[in-house]
N, C-alpha and C. Protein backbone atom coordinates (compact mmCIF):
# COMPACT_ATOMS: atom_id res chain seq x y z
N MET A 1 -60.57 66.42 -27.54
CA MET A 1 -59.12 65.33 -27.50
C MET A 1 -58.40 65.85 -26.15
N LEU A 2 -58.24 66.89 -26.37
CA LEU A 2 -57.22 68.03 -25.44
C LEU A 2 -57.55 67.79 -23.94
N LYS A 3 -59.12 67.34 -23.76
CA LYS A 3 -59.54 67.21 -21.94
C LYS A 3 -59.35 65.84 -21.74
N GLY A 4 -59.14 65.24 -22.83
CA GLY A 4 -58.80 63.70 -22.49
C GLY A 4 -57.47 63.44 -22.28
N ALA A 5 -56.56 64.30 -22.88
CA ALA A 5 -54.82 64.16 -22.60
C ALA A 5 -54.25 64.98 -21.47
N LEU A 6 -55.42 65.89 -21.23
CA LEU A 6 -54.62 66.57 -20.03
C LEU A 6 -55.71 65.44 -18.61
N THR A 7 -56.53 64.57 -18.85
CA THR A 7 -57.37 63.69 -17.73
C THR A 7 -55.99 62.67 -17.94
N SER A 8 -55.59 62.30 -18.78
CA SER A 8 -54.51 61.19 -18.68
C SER A 8 -53.30 61.95 -18.32
N VAL A 9 -52.71 62.96 -17.97
CA VAL A 9 -51.62 63.58 -17.66
C VAL A 9 -51.78 63.93 -16.17
N ILE A 10 -52.92 64.14 -15.72
CA ILE A 10 -53.41 64.54 -14.14
C ILE A 10 -53.10 63.39 -13.90
N LEU A 11 -53.53 62.54 -14.19
CA LEU A 11 -53.80 61.13 -13.59
C LEU A 11 -52.48 60.48 -12.86
N MET A 12 -51.39 60.22 -14.58
CA MET A 12 -50.08 60.06 -14.18
C MET A 12 -49.29 60.61 -12.94
N PHE A 13 -49.93 62.43 -12.85
CA PHE A 13 -48.85 62.65 -11.63
C PHE A 13 -49.66 63.04 -10.15
N VAL A 14 -50.38 62.43 -9.96
CA VAL A 14 -51.93 62.00 -8.95
C VAL A 14 -51.14 61.17 -8.23
N PHE A 15 -50.96 59.84 -9.20
CA PHE A 15 -50.19 59.02 -8.46
C PHE A 15 -48.90 59.39 -7.68
N ILE A 16 -48.13 60.09 -8.11
CA ILE A 16 -46.95 60.13 -7.58
C ILE A 16 -46.66 60.46 -6.25
N PRO A 17 -47.35 61.17 -5.57
CA PRO A 17 -47.33 61.65 -4.30
C PRO A 17 -47.65 60.57 -3.13
N ILE A 18 -48.59 59.77 -3.69
CA ILE A 18 -49.48 58.71 -2.62
C ILE A 18 -48.48 57.87 -1.93
N PRO A 19 -48.10 57.89 -0.70
CA PRO A 19 -47.41 56.92 -0.27
C PRO A 19 -47.94 55.53 -0.51
N VAL A 20 -47.04 54.61 -0.55
CA VAL A 20 -47.17 53.19 -0.34
C VAL A 20 -47.58 52.76 -2.40
N VAL A 21 -48.78 53.28 -2.31
CA VAL A 21 -49.43 53.65 -3.62
C VAL A 21 -48.37 54.00 -5.05
N HIS A 22 -47.71 54.38 -4.95
CA HIS A 22 -46.81 55.11 -5.66
C HIS A 22 -45.77 53.77 -6.09
N PHE A 23 -45.59 52.87 -5.67
CA PHE A 23 -44.93 51.89 -5.83
C PHE A 23 -45.18 50.97 -6.86
N PHE A 24 -47.08 51.04 -7.01
CA PHE A 24 -47.62 50.12 -7.73
C PHE A 24 -48.27 51.21 -9.00
N ALA A 25 -48.51 52.13 -8.83
CA ALA A 25 -49.38 52.92 -9.42
C ALA A 25 -48.53 53.52 -10.80
N VAL A 26 -47.17 54.12 -10.42
CA VAL A 26 -46.49 54.91 -11.05
C VAL A 26 -46.27 54.10 -12.24
N PRO A 27 -45.41 52.87 -11.97
CA PRO A 27 -45.06 51.88 -13.50
C PRO A 27 -46.15 51.69 -14.21
N LEU A 28 -47.10 51.89 -13.90
CA LEU A 28 -49.02 51.83 -14.66
C LEU A 28 -49.27 53.07 -14.95
N SER A 29 -48.79 53.88 -14.55
CA SER A 29 -49.88 55.33 -14.55
C SER A 29 -49.79 55.52 -16.23
N PRO A 30 -48.98 55.12 -16.96
CA PRO A 30 -49.31 55.77 -18.22
C PRO A 30 -50.33 54.67 -19.04
N PHE A 31 -50.21 53.66 -18.73
CA PHE A 31 -51.19 52.58 -18.99
C PHE A 31 -53.04 53.14 -18.38
N ILE A 32 -53.03 53.45 -17.11
CA ILE A 32 -54.53 53.92 -16.68
C ILE A 32 -54.44 55.35 -17.11
N GLY A 33 -53.27 56.15 -17.17
CA GLY A 33 -53.94 57.55 -17.88
C GLY A 33 -54.88 57.23 -19.40
N GLY A 34 -53.59 56.63 -20.18
CA GLY A 34 -54.27 56.44 -21.72
C GLY A 34 -55.75 55.47 -21.44
N PHE A 35 -55.93 54.72 -21.03
CA PHE A 35 -57.32 54.09 -20.52
C PHE A 35 -58.56 54.75 -20.43
N ILE A 36 -58.04 55.83 -19.08
CA ILE A 36 -59.43 56.87 -18.96
C ILE A 36 -59.30 57.99 -19.66
N GLY A 37 -57.83 58.96 -19.80
CA GLY A 37 -58.22 59.44 -20.88
C GLY A 37 -58.62 58.86 -22.41
N GLY A 38 -58.31 58.30 -22.86
CA GLY A 38 -59.05 57.19 -24.35
C GLY A 38 -60.12 57.30 -24.16
N SER A 39 -60.82 57.24 -22.92
CA SER A 39 -62.36 57.19 -22.71
C SER A 39 -62.78 58.29 -22.64
N ILE A 40 -62.33 59.45 -22.24
CA ILE A 40 -62.76 60.67 -22.31
C ILE A 40 -62.70 61.25 -23.62
N ALA A 41 -61.98 61.20 -24.56
CA ALA A 41 -61.68 61.61 -25.02
C ALA A 41 -62.68 61.43 -26.51
N LYS A 42 -62.95 59.93 -26.13
CA LYS A 42 -63.23 58.88 -27.27
C LYS A 42 -62.23 59.03 -28.26
N ALA A 43 -61.67 58.80 -28.24
CA ALA A 43 -60.15 58.24 -29.37
C ALA A 43 -60.99 57.19 -30.03
N GLU A 44 -60.81 57.73 -31.63
CA GLU A 44 -61.23 56.65 -32.34
C GLU A 44 -59.95 55.78 -32.94
N LYS A 45 -59.85 54.74 -33.67
CA LYS A 45 -59.10 54.08 -34.10
C LYS A 45 -57.82 54.74 -34.64
N GLU A 46 -58.59 55.75 -35.29
CA GLU A 46 -57.24 56.63 -36.40
C GLU A 46 -56.46 57.87 -35.23
N LYS A 47 -57.26 58.30 -34.31
CA LYS A 47 -56.60 58.87 -33.66
C LYS A 47 -56.35 58.78 -32.02
N ILE A 48 -55.82 57.39 -32.28
CA ILE A 48 -55.27 57.13 -30.68
C ILE A 48 -53.95 57.51 -30.87
N ILE A 49 -53.26 57.31 -31.96
CA ILE A 49 -51.61 57.77 -31.87
C ILE A 49 -51.54 59.34 -31.54
N LEU A 50 -52.55 59.84 -32.30
CA LEU A 50 -52.46 61.23 -32.10
C LEU A 50 -53.16 61.76 -30.41
N PHE A 51 -53.92 61.01 -29.87
CA PHE A 51 -54.09 61.36 -28.82
C PHE A 51 -52.82 60.87 -27.77
N SER A 52 -52.25 59.71 -27.95
CA SER A 52 -50.64 59.49 -27.05
C SER A 52 -49.82 60.69 -27.55
N LEU A 53 -49.68 61.04 -28.57
CA LEU A 53 -48.63 61.95 -29.17
C LEU A 53 -49.13 63.64 -27.75
N ILE A 54 -50.03 63.80 -28.01
CA ILE A 54 -50.77 65.12 -27.53
C ILE A 54 -50.29 64.99 -26.33
N THR A 55 -50.34 63.68 -25.24
CA THR A 55 -50.61 63.35 -23.93
C THR A 55 -48.94 63.18 -23.72
N THR A 56 -48.03 62.59 -24.31
CA THR A 56 -46.47 62.37 -24.48
C THR A 56 -45.86 63.54 -24.64
N GLY A 57 -46.48 64.54 -25.77
CA GLY A 57 -46.01 66.11 -25.55
C GLY A 57 -45.90 66.95 -23.90
N ILE A 58 -47.44 66.82 -23.52
CA ILE A 58 -47.38 67.28 -22.24
C ILE A 58 -46.34 66.82 -21.30
N THR A 59 -46.72 65.53 -21.27
CA THR A 59 -45.44 64.96 -20.19
C THR A 59 -43.88 65.09 -20.63
N ALA A 60 -43.45 65.17 -21.89
CA ALA A 60 -42.05 65.49 -22.17
C ALA A 60 -41.77 67.13 -21.43
N ILE A 61 -42.56 67.81 -21.56
CA ILE A 61 -41.97 69.23 -20.65
C ILE A 61 -41.43 69.15 -19.86
N PRO A 62 -41.96 68.41 -18.71
CA PRO A 62 -40.57 68.49 -17.61
C PRO A 62 -39.79 67.28 -17.65
N SER A 63 -39.49 66.50 -18.68
CA SER A 63 -38.74 65.62 -18.71
C SER A 63 -37.53 66.51 -19.64
N PHE A 64 -38.25 67.61 -20.10
CA PHE A 64 -36.96 68.55 -21.38
C PHE A 64 -36.51 69.58 -20.16
N PHE A 65 -37.19 69.93 -18.83
CA PHE A 65 -36.36 70.89 -18.40
C PHE A 65 -35.62 69.65 -17.33
N ILE A 66 -35.80 68.52 -17.21
CA ILE A 66 -34.86 67.58 -16.48
C ILE A 66 -33.78 67.96 -17.02
N ILE A 67 -33.69 67.39 -18.41
CA ILE A 67 -32.66 67.43 -18.99
C ILE A 67 -31.76 69.06 -19.30
N ILE A 68 -32.08 69.81 -19.63
CA ILE A 68 -31.58 70.86 -19.39
C ILE A 68 -31.07 71.48 -18.09
N TYR A 69 -31.60 71.27 -16.98
CA TYR A 69 -31.12 71.34 -15.99
C TYR A 69 -29.89 70.68 -15.52
N SER A 70 -30.31 69.00 -15.50
CA SER A 70 -29.24 68.22 -15.74
C SER A 70 -27.98 68.69 -16.44
N PHE A 71 -27.86 68.92 -17.61
CA PHE A 71 -26.83 69.17 -18.29
C PHE A 71 -26.11 70.88 -17.75
N ILE A 72 -26.64 71.56 -17.20
CA ILE A 72 -26.10 72.58 -16.23
C ILE A 72 -25.84 72.06 -15.31
N GLN A 73 -26.21 71.35 -14.60
CA GLN A 73 -25.46 70.86 -12.98
C GLN A 73 -24.28 69.75 -13.40
N ARG A 74 -24.37 69.22 -14.37
CA ARG A 74 -23.25 68.52 -14.83
C ARG A 74 -22.34 69.24 -15.50
N SER A 75 -22.31 70.42 -15.96
CA SER A 75 -21.68 71.59 -16.30
C SER A 75 -20.40 71.87 -14.94
N ASN A 76 -21.32 71.92 -13.78
CA ASN A 76 -21.16 72.53 -12.85
C ASN A 76 -20.73 71.71 -12.07
N ASN A 77 -20.65 70.48 -12.66
CA ASN A 77 -19.99 69.07 -11.16
C ASN A 77 -20.96 69.03 -9.81
N LEU A 78 -22.13 68.99 -10.26
CA LEU A 78 -23.29 69.41 -9.18
C LEU A 78 -23.98 68.19 -9.40
N GLU A 79 -24.61 67.47 -8.18
CA GLU A 79 -25.94 66.28 -8.25
C GLU A 79 -27.21 66.82 -8.67
N VAL A 80 -27.97 66.07 -9.27
CA VAL A 80 -29.03 66.28 -9.86
C VAL A 80 -30.31 65.71 -9.12
N ALA A 81 -31.09 66.05 -7.90
CA ALA A 81 -31.73 65.39 -6.78
C ALA A 81 -30.87 63.81 -6.11
N GLY A 82 -29.83 64.55 -5.96
CA GLY A 82 -28.83 63.39 -5.41
C GLY A 82 -28.32 62.17 -5.67
N MET A 83 -28.42 62.25 -7.19
CA MET A 83 -28.06 61.38 -8.22
C MET A 83 -27.10 62.03 -9.45
N ASP A 84 -26.22 61.25 -10.10
CA ASP A 84 -25.62 61.73 -11.37
C ASP A 84 -26.30 62.69 -12.37
N PRO A 85 -25.95 63.75 -12.81
CA PRO A 85 -26.78 64.35 -13.67
C PRO A 85 -26.72 63.22 -14.70
N PHE A 86 -25.58 62.46 -15.60
CA PHE A 86 -25.90 61.69 -16.39
C PHE A 86 -27.17 60.69 -16.53
N LEU A 87 -27.39 59.97 -14.84
CA LEU A 87 -28.31 58.78 -14.79
C LEU A 87 -29.64 59.76 -15.05
N ALA A 88 -29.74 61.21 -14.37
CA ALA A 88 -30.93 61.67 -14.44
C ALA A 88 -31.64 62.20 -15.81
N ILE A 89 -30.57 62.58 -16.83
CA ILE A 89 -30.63 62.18 -18.30
C ILE A 89 -31.23 61.60 -18.77
N ILE A 90 -30.58 60.18 -18.67
CA ILE A 90 -31.13 58.84 -19.37
C ILE A 90 -32.50 58.02 -18.71
N LEU A 91 -32.88 58.63 -17.61
CA LEU A 91 -33.95 58.26 -16.62
C LEU A 91 -35.00 59.18 -17.66
N ALA A 92 -34.89 60.58 -17.82
CA ALA A 92 -35.68 61.62 -18.36
C ALA A 92 -35.86 61.62 -19.86
N VAL A 93 -34.97 60.79 -20.28
CA VAL A 93 -34.96 60.21 -21.86
C VAL A 93 -35.93 59.28 -22.28
N ILE A 94 -35.91 57.90 -21.34
CA ILE A 94 -36.54 56.93 -21.05
C ILE A 94 -37.60 57.13 -20.88
N LEU A 95 -38.31 57.90 -19.98
CA LEU A 95 -39.66 58.23 -19.67
C LEU A 95 -40.22 58.76 -21.10
N ILE A 96 -40.10 59.95 -21.54
CA ILE A 96 -40.71 59.62 -22.68
C ILE A 96 -41.15 58.99 -23.70
N PRO A 97 -40.46 57.96 -24.27
CA PRO A 97 -41.32 56.76 -25.22
C PRO A 97 -41.86 55.52 -24.06
N TYR A 98 -41.98 55.71 -22.95
CA TYR A 98 -42.07 54.70 -22.34
C TYR A 98 -43.77 54.87 -21.79
N THR A 99 -43.64 56.69 -21.60
CA THR A 99 -44.82 57.24 -21.36
C THR A 99 -45.67 56.96 -22.67
N TRP A 100 -44.96 57.06 -23.82
CA TRP A 100 -46.08 57.08 -25.16
C TRP A 100 -46.42 55.92 -25.57
N PHE A 101 -45.76 54.75 -25.24
CA PHE A 101 -46.18 53.17 -25.29
C PHE A 101 -47.54 53.02 -24.14
N GLY A 102 -46.90 52.99 -23.36
CA GLY A 102 -48.01 52.68 -22.22
C GLY A 102 -49.66 53.63 -22.42
N ASN A 103 -49.34 54.72 -22.87
CA ASN A 103 -50.73 55.45 -23.05
C ASN A 103 -50.83 55.46 -24.61
N THR A 104 -50.69 54.73 -25.29
CA THR A 104 -51.15 54.09 -26.64
C THR A 104 -51.58 52.74 -26.06
N ILE A 105 -51.15 52.08 -25.75
CA ILE A 105 -51.77 50.61 -25.13
C ILE A 105 -53.10 51.02 -24.67
N GLY A 106 -53.15 52.28 -22.95
CA GLY A 106 -54.29 52.23 -22.69
C GLY A 106 -55.09 52.65 -23.49
N ALA A 107 -54.74 53.57 -24.36
CA ALA A 107 -55.91 53.89 -25.49
C ALA A 107 -56.21 52.95 -26.15
N LEU A 108 -55.52 52.00 -26.98
CA LEU A 108 -56.21 51.25 -27.42
C LEU A 108 -57.14 50.14 -26.84
N ILE A 109 -56.97 49.74 -25.66
CA ILE A 109 -57.65 48.95 -24.52
C ILE A 109 -58.96 49.47 -24.90
N SER A 110 -58.77 50.96 -24.16
CA SER A 110 -60.04 51.39 -24.27
C SER A 110 -60.95 51.32 -25.03
N TYR A 111 -60.62 51.79 -26.52
CA TYR A 111 -61.29 52.01 -27.80
C TYR A 111 -61.98 50.57 -27.92
N THR A 112 -60.83 49.86 -27.90
CA THR A 112 -61.72 48.13 -27.75
C THR A 112 -62.58 47.87 -26.73
N ALA A 113 -62.77 48.42 -25.61
CA ALA A 113 -63.89 48.20 -24.82
C ALA A 113 -65.03 48.99 -25.21
N ARG A 114 -64.70 50.15 -25.38
CA ARG A 114 -66.37 50.56 -26.23
C ARG A 114 -66.70 50.54 -26.92
N GLY A 115 -65.55 50.02 -28.31
CA GLY A 115 -66.23 49.18 -29.52
C GLY A 115 -66.94 47.84 -28.99
N LYS A 116 -66.86 47.11 -28.25
CA LYS A 116 -67.28 46.01 -27.70
C LYS A 116 -68.72 46.17 -26.78
N SER A 117 -68.61 47.38 -26.01
CA SER A 117 -69.75 48.00 -25.60
C SER A 117 -70.94 48.43 -26.01
N ASN A 118 -70.46 48.38 -27.50
CA ASN A 118 -71.77 49.46 -28.29
C ASN A 118 -71.97 48.26 -29.26
């Protein structure tokens, strides 16, 4: 399960630095990561939510650092990566449920595809 979750997270982060591709791949990366990671983890119907929560927990770690850093920068009246710290906090908070939802849908489709192939 952890191997599949780590694969899912790595896939999500691999799409970020690729020029041009990241415009299309990054919004779909939680779904793609959930699909491939769910296949590797062989997450069954009861374990898909757990798989997605593990993956989201791993991806939430950088979000929590961004939130903490943004609060520090906000108290010092400085920007975070060229944007208002409040916007960085909102983006980090939105990222967590978006990752969970996309990952869950990808893992569910992976489970359905494995079920039909058997």
